[in-house]
Amino acid sequence: MTDTTTDTAERLQHQLTDWRTRIDELLVQLDLGSLDLRDAVTEQLTNATNAGLAALAGLGDARDDLSAGVAAQRATVGDILRDLQNAFVRARESVERT
């Protein structure tokens, strides 16, 4: 009977060792999975950050272009207003002469 008990104890010990090995392997796989997930999330965050920085740089360029365009349009509108004022003055002078 002690042989049977010893055999059973040894089998149980062997099964427990096998289970512990499997659990350790699963823990390693979980750690590797966590690293892969962390790397994937980090890559996505880096890509999003770079896209945001590129968008901000583009907005700065667009603002500069818009400012230059507005300044040019302001000058053109100023020229048109001066031309209209001169035309009005000439027309009034012409009417006054006649």
Protein backbone atom coordinates (compact mmCIF):
# COMPACT_ATOMS: atom_id res chain seq x y z
CA MET A 1 0.00 0.00 0.00
CA THR A 2 2.84 2.35 0.61
CA ASP A 3 4.07 1.65 -2.91
CA THR A 4 0.69 2.69 -4.27
CA THR A 5 0.68 5.80 -2.11
CA THR A 6 4.23 6.61 -3.16
CA ASP A 7 3.38 6.02 -6.84
CA THR A 8 0.29 8.22 -6.55
CA ALA A 9 2.26 10.92 -4.79
CA GLU A 10 4.95 10.79 -7.46
CA ARG A 11 2.36 10.97 -10.26
CA LEU A 12 0.70 13.91 -8.58
CA GLN A 13 4.06 15.59 -8.10
CA HIS A 14 4.86 15.00 -11.78
CA GLN A 15 1.46 16.41 -12.86
CA LEU A 16 1.91 19.43 -10.60
CA THR A 17 5.36 20.04 -12.10
CA ASP A 18 3.90 19.76 -15.62
CA TRP A 19 1.12 22.20 -14.73
CA ARG A 20 3.62 24.60 -13.18
CA THR A 21 5.69 24.46 -16.38
CA ARG A 22 2.59 25.16 -18.49
CA ILE A 23 1.60 28.04 -16.21
CA ASP A 24 5.10 29.51 -16.47
CA GLU A 25 4.94 29.22 -20.28
CA LEU A 26 1.55 30.98 -20.28
CA LEU A 27 2.92 33.74 -18.07
CA VAL A 28 5.81 34.26 -20.47
CA GLN A 29 3.37 34.37 -23.42
CA LEU A 30 1.23 36.91 -21.54
CA ASP A 31 4.29 39.05 -20.87
CA LEU A 32 5.30 38.87 -24.53
CA GLY A 33 1.73 39.66 -25.56
CA SER A 34 1.75 42.64 -23.23
CA LEU A 35 5.00 43.84 -24.77
CA ASP A 36 3.58 43.41 -28.27
CA LEU A 37 0.44 45.29 -27.28
CA ARG A 38 2.47 48.04 -25.62
CA ASP A 39 4.64 48.33 -28.72
CA ALA A 40 1.59 48.49 -30.99
CA VAL A 41 -0.08 51.15 -28.83
CA THR A 42 3.16 53.13 -28.62
CA GLU A 43 3.52 52.99 -32.40
CA GLN A 44 -0.07 54.17 -32.89
CA LEU A 45 0.42 57.01 -30.40
CA THR A 46 3.65 58.02 -32.11
CA ASN A 47 1.91 58.03 -35.49
CA ALA A 48 -0.97 60.09 -34.09
CA THR A 49 1.45 62.54 -32.49
CA ASN A 50 3.39 62.93 -35.73
CA ALA A 51 0.16 63.46 -37.68
CA GLY A 52 -0.89 66.12 -35.17
CA LEU A 53 2.46 67.88 -35.41
CA ALA A 54 2.29 67.79 -39.22
CA ALA A 55 -1.23 69.22 -39.10
CA LEU A 56 -0.09 72.01 -36.79
CA ALA A 57 2.82 72.81 -39.08
CA GLY A 58 0.44 72.83 -42.05
CA LEU A 59 -1.91 75.17 -40.21
CA GLY A 60 0.98 77.52 -39.52
CA ASP A 61 1.93 77.52 -43.20
CA ALA A 62 -1.71 78.01 -44.21
CA ARG A 63 -2.04 80.89 -41.75
CA ASP A 64 1.11 82.49 -43.19
CA ASP A 65 -0.18 81.98 -46.75
CA LEU A 66 -3.58 83.35 -45.77
CA SER A 67 -1.99 86.36 -44.09
CA ALA A 68 0.07 87.07 -47.20
CA GLY A 69 -3.01 86.64 -49.37
CA VAL A 70 -5.08 88.95 -47.17
CA ALA A 71 -2.35 91.59 -47.28
CA ALA A 72 -2.24 91.37 -51.07
CA GLN A 73 -6.04 91.55 -51.29
CA ARG A 74 -6.10 94.50 -48.91
CA ALA A 75 -3.61 96.32 -51.13
CA THR A 76 -5.71 95.53 -54.22
CA VAL A 77 -8.91 96.71 -52.53
CA GLY A 78 -7.09 99.88 -51.43
CA ASP A 79 -5.99 100.49 -55.05
CA ILE A 80 -9.55 99.95 -56.30
CA LEU A 81 -10.97 102.32 -53.69
CA ARG A 82 -8.41 104.99 -54.64
CA ASP A 83 -9.24 104.53 -58.33
CA LEU A 84 -12.96 104.85 -57.55
CA GLN A 85 -12.35 107.93 -55.46
CA ASN A 86 -10.27 109.51 -58.26
CA ALA A 87 -12.96 108.61 -60.81
CA PHE A 88 -15.63 110.13 -58.60
CA VAL A 89 -13.61 113.28 -58.10
CA ARG A 90 -13.01 113.59 -61.86
CA ALA A 91 -16.66 112.95 -62.62
CA ARG A 92 -17.73 115.60 -60.11
CA GLU A 93 -15.19 118.05 -61.52
CA SER A 94 -16.46 117.32 -65.00
CA VAL A 95 -20.06 117.89 -63.91
CA GLU A 96 -19.08 121.12 -62.18
CA ARG A 97 -17.29 122.36 -65.30
CA THR A 98 -20.28 121.77 -67.47
